[in-house]
Structure formats: C-alpha cells, structure tokens
C-alpha cells in the first residue's frame, strides 16, 4: 500500500482446474488428428472445414487462458484504477469512477469459474470488468470493494452517492445485456434444431441448403428474439444486480 492505503494489485493466484485444461488438451489433440485424416486423403468428397475450425478455436482458447494467467490484473493506486485485460488495458482516474459493484456471475458460468465478479461503472453508465477482483482470488470481494471505496473517497471530488440519470443508463445497459444473452441462447437452441433437421433431410437425400439452415436461420432467430426481449424488458426492467455475495 502507498501513503493513502490505496495501492493494491489483484492478479490470478488460483490456477485453472487441471480437469479443464486436460479436457481442452484432449479436444485439441482430437481436432489435430481429424485434420490430419482430412488432409491425408479422406473420401475425396470435398473440403471438410469442421476439424480445422476446431483446431483454430482450441488454439484461441489456449492463447486466451495463457494471456489471462500472465497479463490480466487490476491495479489500484491514488491515481485511479487500471484494468489490464488479456490484450488491452483501460485506466480511470478516481474522478471518472461512478461506482464499483460486486455482482453475481452470469448463469451458466458453472462451478469452475468465479461466482462473484467486480465491475467498474463510469458516469455514462458503462460497466467494465475488473479482472481477478472476484471470489476466486479474494476471500470476500464485497468487503474488499467496500474498503477500497472507503479509502478512495478522499481522492474523489464527488461522493459515492447514486445519481438517477446514471442509474437509468446502468439499468438500460443491464436490459440490453440480458436481451442479447437470451438471444444468444436462442441462437444455440435454433442451431441444434436446424442441425437435427439437416441430418434428417440428408438421410432422405434432400439436404439442399445447410448454410441457410444452420447459419442464417439461427442468427436471424437470435437477433429477432433479442430485439423483442429488449423492447419488452425496456418497459419491465429486470431487478438491479445484487451488490454482495
């Protein structure tokens, strides 16, 4: 800590579960094997793009995990906050910080991921994740954030009090994120349905438009669902995220 008691750094201390890394490695090896089979001859029935795409996805996932481990961190000082992500960094002076809030992780993150995350909100209502200021790397993230806000209060020209106009923008952003999350889930559900339809049509020799069925229809359905839910929840907004575990 510095003289003001504010200098802190939050970085990855708890490693990724070995089972998760092992599964990722097995998927990568399998994708390489399948790619080798395709490039080695195959049945000559055209280009199969599935295995190469799988290899690319696995390589990107491993690269991101590595960058998350070695680069991502949150630095706090008397000057403000720096959130260093896997690739880029953002920094805010204390006068630009509207609030710091601990919120529950999105559904579907599973037990192998933090359940409580910390976000910084600016005065435009935008939120930004503060890496590793979570319940994996900190015993009590809510108490940590409460103490952080307390010691940083003298460094701000404004108090931590809520402003209705900013809260309205924050709520609007929450509505938009929720709608697009449901839209993404809808896209996946429709993709699975279209995949089954395409398999059924292929079995009867009538698989004419796989790109239309498995790409265009799911994407269009997801966007439409997100737009409808965004409009609906704009008049019936979700509850504000919880601030403590």
C-alpha atoms as a PDB file:
ATOM      1  CA  UNK A   1       0.000   0.000   0.000  1.00  0.00           C
ATOM      2  CA  UNK A   2       1.032   3.602  -0.515  1.00  0.00           C
ATOM      3  CA  UNK A   3       0.581   6.511   1.914  1.00  0.00           C
ATOM      4  CA  UNK A   4      -3.135   6.720   1.168  1.00  0.00           C
ATOM      5  CA  UNK A   5      -3.607   2.995   1.723  1.00  0.00           C
ATOM      6  CA  UNK A   6      -4.915   2.521  -1.812  1.00  0.00           C
ATOM      7  CA  UNK A   7      -2.150   0.780  -3.755  1.00  0.00           C
ATOM      8  CA  UNK A   8      -3.247  -2.786  -4.461  1.00  0.00           C
ATOM      9  CA  UNK A   9      -2.945  -5.340  -7.241  1.00  0.00           C
ATOM     10  CA  UNK A  10      -5.294  -8.214  -7.982  1.00  0.00           C
ATOM     11  CA  UNK A  11      -3.976 -10.940 -10.251  1.00  0.00           C
ATOM     12  CA  UNK A  12      -4.545 -14.621 -10.877  1.00  0.00           C
ATOM     13  CA  UNK A  13      -3.387 -16.658  -7.910  1.00  0.00           C
ATOM     14  CA  UNK A  14      -5.751 -19.592  -8.168  1.00  0.00           C
ATOM     15  CA  UNK A  15      -4.900 -21.613 -11.272  1.00  0.00           C
ATOM     16  CA  UNK A  16      -7.339 -23.100 -13.749  1.00  0.00           C
ATOM     17  CA  UNK A  17      -8.620 -26.578 -12.721  1.00  0.00           C
ATOM     18  CA  UNK A  18      -6.449 -29.339 -14.174  1.00  0.00           C
ATOM     19  CA  UNK A  19      -9.525 -31.185 -15.408  1.00  0.00           C
ATOM     20  CA  UNK A  20     -10.492 -28.159 -17.503  1.00  0.00           C
ATOM     21  CA  UNK A  21      -7.020 -27.885 -19.030  1.00  0.00           C
ATOM     22  CA  UNK A  22      -6.900 -31.652 -19.663  1.00  0.00           C
ATOM     23  CA  UNK A  23     -10.255 -31.577 -21.463  1.00  0.00           C
ATOM     24  CA  UNK A  24      -9.103 -28.648 -23.584  1.00  0.00           C
ATOM     25  CA  UNK A  25      -5.900 -30.518 -24.456  1.00  0.00           C
ATOM     26  CA  UNK A  26      -7.774 -33.692 -25.445  1.00  0.00           C
ATOM     27  CA  UNK A  27     -10.114 -31.683 -27.683  1.00  0.00           C
ATOM     28  CA  UNK A  28      -7.137 -30.021 -29.335  1.00  0.00           C
ATOM     29  CA  UNK A  29      -5.372 -33.336 -29.946  1.00  0.00           C
ATOM     30  CA  UNK A  30      -8.550 -34.842 -31.395  1.00  0.00           C
ATOM     31  CA  UNK A  31      -9.008 -31.846 -33.692  1.00  0.00           C
ATOM     32  CA  UNK A  32      -5.412 -32.203 -34.959  1.00  0.00           C
ATOM     33  CA  UNK A  33      -5.961 -35.933 -35.587  1.00  0.00           C
ATOM     34  CA  UNK A  34      -9.172 -35.275 -37.524  1.00  0.00           C
ATOM     35  CA  UNK A  35      -7.470 -32.539 -39.549  1.00  0.00           C
ATOM     36  CA  UNK A  36      -4.640 -34.959 -40.411  1.00  0.00           C
ATOM     37  CA  UNK A  37      -7.156 -37.525 -41.631  1.00  0.00           C
ATOM     38  CA  UNK A  38      -8.859 -34.989 -43.867  1.00  0.00           C
ATOM     39  CA  UNK A  39      -5.641 -33.639 -45.339  1.00  0.00           C
ATOM     40  CA  UNK A  40      -4.337 -37.203 -45.788  1.00  0.00           C
ATOM     41  CA  UNK A  41      -6.923 -38.103 -48.358  1.00  0.00           C
ATOM     42  CA  UNK A  42     -10.328 -38.858 -46.880  1.00  0.00           C
ATOM     43  CA  UNK A  43     -13.115 -39.864 -49.189  1.00  0.00           C
ATOM     44  CA  UNK A  44     -12.494 -37.125 -51.749  1.00  0.00           C
ATOM     45  CA  UNK A  45     -15.966 -35.779 -51.257  1.00  0.00           C
ATOM     46  CA  UNK A  46     -14.966 -32.146 -50.855  1.00  0.00           C
ATOM     47  CA  UNK A  47     -13.405 -29.960 -48.201  1.00  0.00           C
ATOM     48  CA  UNK A  48     -14.333 -30.650 -44.597  1.00  0.00           C
ATOM     49  CA  UNK A  49     -13.901 -27.424 -42.638  1.00  0.00           C
ATOM     50  CA  UNK A  50     -15.019 -28.730 -39.222  1.00  0.00           C
ATOM     51  CA  UNK A  51     -11.686 -30.057 -37.843  1.00  0.00           C
ATOM     52  CA  UNK A  52      -9.557 -27.053 -38.954  1.00  0.00           C
ATOM     53  CA  UNK A  53     -12.087 -24.689 -37.377  1.00  0.00           C
ATOM     54  CA  UNK A  54     -11.990 -26.760 -34.179  1.00  0.00           C
ATOM     55  CA  UNK A  55      -8.196 -26.506 -34.115  1.00  0.00           C
ATOM     56  CA  UNK A  56      -8.404 -22.734 -34.527  1.00  0.00           C
ATOM     57  CA  UNK A  57     -10.978 -22.426 -31.734  1.00  0.00           C
ATOM     58  CA  UNK A  58      -8.868 -24.541 -29.372  1.00  0.00           C
ATOM     59  CA  UNK A  59      -5.699 -22.574 -30.141  1.00  0.00           C
ATOM     60  CA  UNK A  60      -7.515 -19.294 -29.487  1.00  0.00           C
ATOM     61  CA  UNK A  61      -8.932 -20.665 -26.212  1.00  0.00           C
ATOM     62  CA  UNK A  62      -5.496 -21.815 -25.004  1.00  0.00           C
ATOM     63  CA  UNK A  63      -3.941 -18.480 -26.011  1.00  0.00           C
ATOM     64  CA  UNK A  64      -6.618 -16.596 -24.101  1.00  0.00           C
ATOM     65  CA  UNK A  65      -6.138 -18.726 -20.958  1.00  0.00           C
ATOM     66  CA  UNK A  66      -2.391 -18.121 -21.116  1.00  0.00           C
ATOM     67  CA  UNK A  67      -2.819 -14.361 -21.527  1.00  0.00           C
ATOM     68  CA  UNK A  68      -5.399 -14.333 -18.722  1.00  0.00           C
ATOM     69  CA  UNK A  69      -2.888 -16.008 -16.442  1.00  0.00           C
ATOM     70  CA  UNK A  70       0.176 -13.900 -17.237  1.00  0.00           C
ATOM     71  CA  UNK A  71      -1.251 -10.482 -18.192  1.00  0.00           C
ATOM     72  CA  UNK A  72      -4.708  -9.856 -16.749  1.00  0.00           C
ATOM     73  CA  UNK A  73      -4.805  -7.956 -13.454  1.00  0.00           C
ATOM     74  CA  UNK A  74      -6.352  -4.970 -11.711  1.00  0.00           C
ATOM     75  CA  UNK A  75      -4.103  -2.249 -10.270  1.00  0.00           C
ATOM     76  CA  UNK A  76      -5.398   0.348  -7.813  1.00  0.00           C
ATOM     77  CA  UNK A  77      -3.477   3.433  -6.675  1.00  0.00           C
ATOM     78  CA  UNK A  78      -4.017   7.036  -5.624  1.00  0.00           C
ATOM     79  CA  UNK A  79      -4.113   7.952  -9.328  1.00  0.00           C
ATOM     80  CA  UNK A  80      -7.015   5.623 -10.129  1.00  0.00           C
ATOM     81  CA  UNK A  81      -7.678   2.128 -11.431  1.00  0.00           C
ATOM     82  CA  UNK A  82      -6.021   0.199 -14.263  1.00  0.00           C
ATOM     83  CA  UNK A  83      -7.771  -2.909 -15.594  1.00  0.00           C
ATOM     84  CA  UNK A  84      -5.265  -4.920 -17.640  1.00  0.00           C
ATOM     85  CA  UNK A  85      -7.112  -7.474 -19.753  1.00  0.00           C
ATOM     86  CA  UNK A  86      -5.593 -10.365 -21.718  1.00  0.00           C
ATOM     87  CA  UNK A  87      -4.830  -7.972 -24.602  1.00  0.00           C
ATOM     88  CA  UNK A  88      -5.603  -4.329 -23.779  1.00  0.00           C
ATOM     89  CA  UNK A  89      -5.611  -2.123 -20.686  1.00  0.00           C
ATOM     90  CA  UNK A  90      -8.066   0.538 -19.532  1.00  0.00           C
ATOM     91  CA  UNK A  91      -7.454   3.126 -16.861  1.00  0.00           C
ATOM     92  CA  UNK A  92      -9.668   5.550 -14.964  1.00  0.00           C
ATOM     93  CA  UNK A  93      -8.872   8.450 -12.669  1.00  0.00           C
ATOM     94  CA  UNK A  94     -10.899   8.352  -9.452  1.00  0.00           C
ATOM     95  CA  UNK A  95     -12.924  11.331 -10.643  1.00  0.00           C
ATOM     96  CA  UNK A  96     -14.092   9.236 -13.630  1.00  0.00           C
ATOM     97  CA  UNK A  97     -15.307   6.318 -11.499  1.00  0.00           C
ATOM     98  CA  UNK A  98     -19.025   6.420 -10.706  1.00  0.00           C
ATOM     99  CA  UNK A  99     -19.194   3.201  -8.685  1.00  0.00           C
ATOM    100  CA  UNK A 100     -17.577  -0.186  -8.088  1.00  0.00           C
ATOM    101  CA  UNK A 101     -20.022  -3.066  -7.639  1.00  0.00           C
ATOM    102  CA  UNK A 102     -19.812  -6.761  -6.873  1.00  0.00           C
ATOM    103  CA  UNK A 103     -22.341  -8.694  -8.945  1.00  0.00           C
ATOM    104  CA  UNK A 104     -23.263 -12.319  -9.410  1.00  0.00           C
ATOM    105  CA  UNK A 105     -21.677 -14.014 -12.419  1.00  0.00           C
ATOM    106  CA  UNK A 106     -23.989 -14.743 -15.367  1.00  0.00           C
ATOM    107  CA  UNK A 107     -25.885 -18.010 -15.267  1.00  0.00           C
ATOM    108  CA  UNK A 108     -24.105 -20.869 -16.936  1.00  0.00           C
ATOM    109  CA  UNK A 109     -20.612 -19.930 -15.749  1.00  0.00           C
ATOM    110  CA  UNK A 110     -20.505 -23.186 -13.747  1.00  0.00           C
ATOM    111  CA  UNK A 111     -18.583 -24.156 -10.588  1.00  0.00           C
ATOM    112  CA  UNK A 112     -15.205 -23.966 -12.380  1.00  0.00           C
ATOM    113  CA  UNK A 113     -15.438 -20.160 -12.597  1.00  0.00           C
ATOM    114  CA  UNK A 114     -15.856 -17.249 -10.152  1.00  0.00           C
ATOM    115  CA  UNK A 115     -19.418 -16.755  -8.929  1.00  0.00           C
ATOM    116  CA  UNK A 116     -18.971 -13.106  -7.871  1.00  0.00           C
ATOM    117  CA  UNK A 117     -17.363 -10.552 -10.177  1.00  0.00           C
ATOM    118  CA  UNK A 118     -16.477  -6.889  -9.685  1.00  0.00           C
ATOM    119  CA  UNK A 119     -17.402  -4.214 -12.223  1.00  0.00           C
ATOM    120  CA  UNK A 120     -16.458  -0.561 -12.508  1.00  0.00           C
ATOM    121  CA  UNK A 121     -19.174   1.835 -13.714  1.00  0.00           C
ATOM    122  CA  UNK A 122     -18.384   5.203 -15.254  1.00  0.00           C
ATOM    123  CA  UNK A 123     -20.644   8.260 -15.379  1.00  0.00           C
ATOM    124  CA  UNK A 124     -22.013   7.226 -18.782  1.00  0.00           C
ATOM    125  CA  UNK A 125     -23.445   4.082 -17.231  1.00  0.00           C
ATOM    126  CA  UNK A 126     -20.953   1.770 -18.936  1.00  0.00           C
ATOM    127  CA  UNK A 127     -19.556  -1.135 -16.948  1.00  0.00           C
ATOM    128  CA  UNK A 128     -16.135  -2.752 -17.149  1.00  0.00           C
ATOM    129  CA  UNK A 129     -14.918  -5.967 -15.549  1.00  0.00           C
ATOM    130  CA  UNK A 130     -12.068  -5.599 -13.050  1.00  0.00           C
ATOM    131  CA  UNK A 131     -10.004  -8.766 -13.640  1.00  0.00           C
ATOM    132  CA  UNK A 132      -9.402 -11.094 -10.703  1.00  0.00           C
ATOM    133  CA  UNK A 133     -11.235  -8.963  -8.163  1.00  0.00           C
ATOM    134  CA  UNK A 134     -13.557 -11.907  -7.581  1.00  0.00           C
ATOM    135  CA  UNK A 135     -14.301 -14.697  -5.116  1.00  0.00           C
ATOM    136  CA  UNK A 136     -11.604 -16.901  -6.646  1.00  0.00           C
ATOM    137  CA  UNK A 137      -8.745 -14.525  -5.946  1.00  0.00           C
ATOM    138  CA  UNK A 138     -10.176 -12.619  -2.935  1.00  0.00           C
ATOM    139  CA  UNK A 139     -11.754 -14.239   0.117  1.00  0.00           C
ATOM    140  CA  UNK A 140     -14.514 -11.623   0.420  1.00  0.00           C
ATOM    141  CA  UNK A 141     -14.815  -9.427  -2.704  1.00  0.00           C
ATOM    142  CA  UNK A 142     -17.658  -7.372  -1.258  1.00  0.00           C
ATOM    143  CA  UNK A 143     -15.664  -6.444   1.863  1.00  0.00           C
ATOM    144  CA  UNK A 144     -12.627  -5.745  -0.311  1.00  0.00           C
ATOM    145  CA  UNK A 145     -14.585  -3.380  -2.566  1.00  0.00           C
ATOM    146  CA  UNK A 146     -16.251  -1.684   0.415  1.00  0.00           C
ATOM    147  CA  UNK A 147     -12.839  -0.986   1.962  1.00  0.00           C
ATOM    148  CA  UNK A 148     -11.482   0.165  -1.389  1.00  0.00           C
ATOM    149  CA  UNK A 149     -14.301   2.682  -1.809  1.00  0.00           C
ATOM    150  CA  UNK A 150     -13.793   3.913   1.730  1.00  0.00           C
ATOM    151  CA  UNK A 151     -10.069   4.618   1.408  1.00  0.00           C
ATOM    152  CA  UNK A 152     -10.529   6.091  -2.105  1.00  0.00           C
ATOM    153  CA  UNK A 153     -13.282   8.519  -1.049  1.00  0.00           C
ATOM    154  CA  UNK A 154     -10.846  11.382  -0.165  1.00  0.00           C
ATOM    155  CA  UNK A 155      -9.296  11.101  -3.648  1.00  0.00           C
ATOM    156  CA  UNK A 156     -12.571  11.901  -5.411  1.00  0.00           C
ATOM    157  CA  UNK A 157     -14.072  15.315  -5.968  1.00  0.00           C
ATOM    158  CA  UNK A 158     -17.506  13.657  -5.756  1.00  0.00           C
ATOM    159  CA  UNK A 159     -19.118  11.393  -3.193  1.00  0.00           C
ATOM    160  CA  UNK A 160     -20.229   7.812  -3.903  1.00  0.00           C
ATOM    161  CA  UNK A 161     -23.902   8.766  -3.853  1.00  0.00           C
ATOM    162  CA  UNK A 162     -26.232   7.461  -6.567  1.00  0.00           C
ATOM    163  CA  UNK A 163     -27.333   9.680  -9.454  1.00  0.00           C
ATOM    164  CA  UNK A 164     -30.733   8.924 -11.057  1.00  0.00           C
ATOM    165  CA  UNK A 165     -29.580   9.691 -14.605  1.00  0.00           C
ATOM    166  CA  UNK A 166     -26.576   7.340 -14.338  1.00  0.00           C
ATOM    167  CA  UNK A 167     -28.658   4.644 -12.650  1.00  0.00           C
ATOM    168  CA  UNK A 168     -31.119   4.825 -15.539  1.00  0.00           C
ATOM    169  CA  UNK A 169     -28.308   4.272 -18.052  1.00  0.00           C
ATOM    170  CA  UNK A 170     -26.939   1.389 -15.974  1.00  0.00           C
ATOM    171  CA  UNK A 171     -30.361  -0.246 -15.883  1.00  0.00           C
ATOM    172  CA  UNK A 172     -30.752   0.248 -19.628  1.00  0.00           C
ATOM    173  CA  UNK A 173     -27.397  -1.467 -20.192  1.00  0.00           C
ATOM    174  CA  UNK A 174     -28.478  -4.373 -17.978  1.00  0.00           C
ATOM    175  CA  UNK A 175     -31.647  -4.774 -20.032  1.00  0.00           C
ATOM    176  CA  UNK A 176     -29.671  -4.802 -23.273  1.00  0.00           C
ATOM    177  CA  UNK A 177     -27.169  -7.381 -21.994  1.00  0.00           C
ATOM    178  CA  UNK A 178     -29.937  -9.621 -20.706  1.00  0.00           C
ATOM    179  CA  UNK A 179     -31.804  -9.454 -24.009  1.00  0.00           C
ATOM    180  CA  UNK A 180     -28.717 -10.310 -26.056  1.00  0.00           C
ATOM    181  CA  UNK A 181     -27.801 -13.143 -23.679  1.00  0.00           C
ATOM    182  CA  UNK A 182     -31.213 -14.682 -24.254  1.00  0.00           C
ATOM    183  CA  UNK A 183     -30.795 -14.007 -27.972  1.00  0.00           C
ATOM    184  CA  UNK A 184     -27.500 -15.922 -27.971  1.00  0.00           C
ATOM    185  CA  UNK A 185     -29.123 -18.825 -26.111  1.00  0.00           C
ATOM    186  CA  UNK A 186     -31.950 -18.784 -28.646  1.00  0.00           C
ATOM    187  CA  UNK A 187     -29.416 -18.901 -31.484  1.00  0.00           C
ATOM    188  CA  UNK A 188     -27.823 -22.022 -29.992  1.00  0.00           C
ATOM    189  CA  UNK A 189     -31.205 -23.700 -29.486  1.00  0.00           C
ATOM    190  CA  UNK A 190     -32.315 -22.981 -33.057  1.00  0.00           C
ATOM    191  CA  UNK A 191     -28.935 -24.162 -34.381  1.00  0.00           C
ATOM    192  CA  UNK A 192     -29.404 -27.517 -32.613  1.00  0.00           C
ATOM    193  CA  UNK A 193     -32.902 -27.803 -34.056  1.00  0.00           C
ATOM    194  CA  UNK A 194     -31.724 -26.932 -37.569  1.00  0.00           C
ATOM    195  CA  UNK A 195     -28.845 -29.393 -37.253  1.00  0.00           C
ATOM    196  CA  UNK A 196     -31.344 -32.170 -36.498  1.00  0.00           C
ATOM    197  CA  UNK A 197     -33.500 -31.040 -39.427  1.00  0.00           C
ATOM    198  CA  UNK A 198     -30.481 -31.018 -41.763  1.00  0.00           C
ATOM    199  CA  UNK A 199     -29.429 -34.513 -40.627  1.00  0.00           C
ATOM    200  CA  UNK A 200     -32.947 -35.746 -41.264  1.00  0.00           C
ATOM    201  CA  UNK A 201     -33.013 -34.174 -44.718  1.00  0.00           C
ATOM    202  CA  UNK A 202     -29.567 -35.589 -45.531  1.00  0.00           C
ATOM    203  CA  UNK A 203     -30.782 -39.077 -44.577  1.00  0.00           C
ATOM    204  CA  UNK A 204     -33.512 -38.773 -47.170  1.00  0.00           C
ATOM    205  CA  UNK A 205     -31.223 -37.198 -49.767  1.00  0.00           C
ATOM    206  CA  UNK A 206     -32.806 -33.735 -49.517  1.00  0.00           C
ATOM    207  CA  UNK A 207     -30.080 -31.692 -47.756  1.00  0.00           C
ATOM    208  CA  UNK A 208     -30.137 -28.703 -50.125  1.00  0.00           C
ATOM    209  CA  UNK A 209     -29.298 -25.622 -48.047  1.00  0.00           C
ATOM    210  CA  UNK A 210     -27.156 -26.438 -44.958  1.00  0.00           C
ATOM    211  CA  UNK A 211     -25.732 -22.900 -44.768  1.00  0.00           C
ATOM    212  CA  UNK A 212     -29.204 -21.395 -44.742  1.00  0.00           C
ATOM    213  CA  UNK A 213     -30.469 -23.859 -42.129  1.00  0.00           C
ATOM    214  CA  UNK A 214     -27.512 -23.855 -39.732  1.00  0.00           C
ATOM    215  CA  UNK A 215     -26.204 -20.282 -40.087  1.00  0.00           C
ATOM    216  CA  UNK A 216     -28.784 -17.873 -41.456  1.00  0.00           C
ATOM    217  CA  UNK A 217     -31.870 -19.190 -39.647  1.00  0.00           C
ATOM    218  CA  UNK A 218     -30.241 -19.411 -36.150  1.00  0.00           C
ATOM    219  CA  UNK A 219     -28.631 -15.960 -36.438  1.00  0.00           C
ATOM    220  CA  UNK A 220     -31.837 -14.328 -37.670  1.00  0.00           C
ATOM    221  CA  UNK A 221     -33.834 -16.035 -34.915  1.00  0.00           C
ATOM    222  CA  UNK A 222     -31.383 -14.930 -32.218  1.00  0.00           C
ATOM    223  CA  UNK A 223     -31.361 -11.303 -33.365  1.00  0.00           C
ATOM    224  CA  UNK A 224     -35.168 -11.234 -33.575  1.00  0.00           C
ATOM    225  CA  UNK A 225     -35.515 -12.735 -30.083  1.00  0.00           C
ATOM    226  CA  UNK A 226     -33.022 -10.242 -28.619  1.00  0.00           C
ATOM    227  CA  UNK A 227     -34.833  -7.303 -30.232  1.00  0.00           C
ATOM    228  CA  UNK A 228     -38.239  -8.433 -28.940  1.00  0.00           C
ATOM    229  CA  UNK A 229     -36.950  -9.046 -25.398  1.00  0.00           C
ATOM    230  CA  UNK A 230     -35.064  -5.744 -25.374  1.00  0.00           C
ATOM    231  CA  UNK A 231     -38.251  -3.897 -26.216  1.00  0.00           C
ATOM    232  CA  UNK A 232     -40.305  -5.913 -23.713  1.00  0.00           C
ATOM    233  CA  UNK A 233     -37.869  -5.513 -20.816  1.00  0.00           C
ATOM    234  CA  UNK A 234     -37.478  -1.805 -21.538  1.00  0.00           C
ATOM    235  CA  UNK A 235     -40.960  -1.385 -20.052  1.00  0.00           C
ATOM    236  CA  UNK A 236     -40.465  -4.153 -17.457  1.00  0.00           C
ATOM    237  CA  UNK A 237     -36.796  -3.828 -16.484  1.00  0.00           C
ATOM    238  CA  UNK A 238     -35.066  -6.600 -14.516  1.00  0.00           C
ATOM    239  CA  UNK A 239     -34.099  -6.065 -10.930  1.00  0.00           C
ATOM    240  CA  UNK A 240     -30.823  -4.293 -10.265  1.00  0.00           C
ATOM    241  CA  UNK A 241     -27.881  -6.704  -9.827  1.00  0.00           C
ATOM    242  CA  UNK A 242     -27.090  -7.667  -6.267  1.00  0.00           C
ATOM    243  CA  UNK A 243     -24.123  -5.894  -4.759  1.00  0.00           C
ATOM    244  CA  UNK A 244     -22.945  -8.510  -2.319  1.00  0.00           C
ATOM    245  CA  UNK A 245     -22.493 -12.272  -2.044  1.00  0.00           C
END
